[in-house]
Amino acid sequence: MCVTAVESRPAGVALTPSPGGHRPFGARVKAFVALTKPRIIELLLITTVPVMFLAAQGVPDLWLVLTTTIGGYLSAGGANALNMYIDRDIDALMDRTAQRPLVTGVVTPRECLAFGIALAVISTVWFGLLVNWLSAALSLGALLFYVVVYTMLLKRRTSQNIVWGGIAGCMPVLIGWSAVTNSMSWAAVILFAVIFFWTPPHYWPLSMKVKDDYARVGVPMLPVIASNRVVARQIVVYSWVMVAVSLLLTPLGYTGWFYTAVALLTGGFWLWEAHGLLNRANAGVTGGKLKEMRLFHWSITYVSLLFVAVAVDPFLR
């Protein structure tokens, strides 16, 4: 999620190779993989595959799971590469992004742009031919939303960037459901909403930690323009809505006791952490004692456990 540069050069000074300079093949391969942001894609796949089990009410076709997973990686990887191409100016000025391939010069901007577009085209055709065209349309829509709406229009203009930009990260839920059923349902919409309300309280704690980076490049993440108290209060509000929405699946008949128990336990612990962060912010705690990253790390565990429960629940009903 966050790459911190540790090197002797000042932040923002790119290591651009001289013309004709040697760039080792192994380093180049690693750089192109890094353009896809694999650790972020892990989270996207965690929300895709379990939904396929829920949609199938059991084990989905494993070939379909494989093709959907590969297509999802290619699509998200293309979106992430194009995001790095657009953000290469500010990435060079931020400590947490100073090791990205375009900043270090291992990959050129033209190569990155071509790579991102290629992945976008390949992933759309892949989904259309091997999964279905509804999933292909959803995948392409998610990519365009992330690149155009979030990266180009929202990120540098509004503190609500991550709220609305997070819609792109919700789309894998719909893709997983449509891959199995070639249709939509309220179950998919509810899980979409869970991720929508999860995204801000997941990302804002990290933004609190690295807000100086964002302030340096003029990106108005909420922690940059608002106090810790205001941010923590927003985190609590979104957290309560997220937990409430996560519990809608059971009364609507999509899940049973196991999912409900996991949603209550994990959601309860999330709310404990969110209110703890708010209490510390209200007390004027700053720096390491604010412990904002505890909620960030728990948010990843939470979404992983919740969606594992989504996959397991059909077998226990």
Foldseek 3Di string as FASTA:
>chain_A
DWAFDDDDDDFLQAQADDVVDDQDPVNLVVQLVVLLVVVLLVLLLLLQQLLLLLLVLHDFDVQLNVLLSVLSSLLSRLLSLLLCLLCVNLLSRFRRNCPHCCRNNSADSVRSNVSSVVSLVVSLVSCCPPFNNVLSVLSNVLSCLLNPVQRPPNFLPDLCSQLVSQLSSLSSLVSNNCSRVVDDDVVSVLSSLLSSLLRLLLCVLVCLVRVVSCVVVRGPHPVVVDALLVSLVSSLVSLVVSLVSQQVCVVVPSFDDQLNVLSVVLSVVLNVVSVLLNVCRVVVDDDVVSVSVVSNVSSSVSSSSNSVSSNCGSVVD
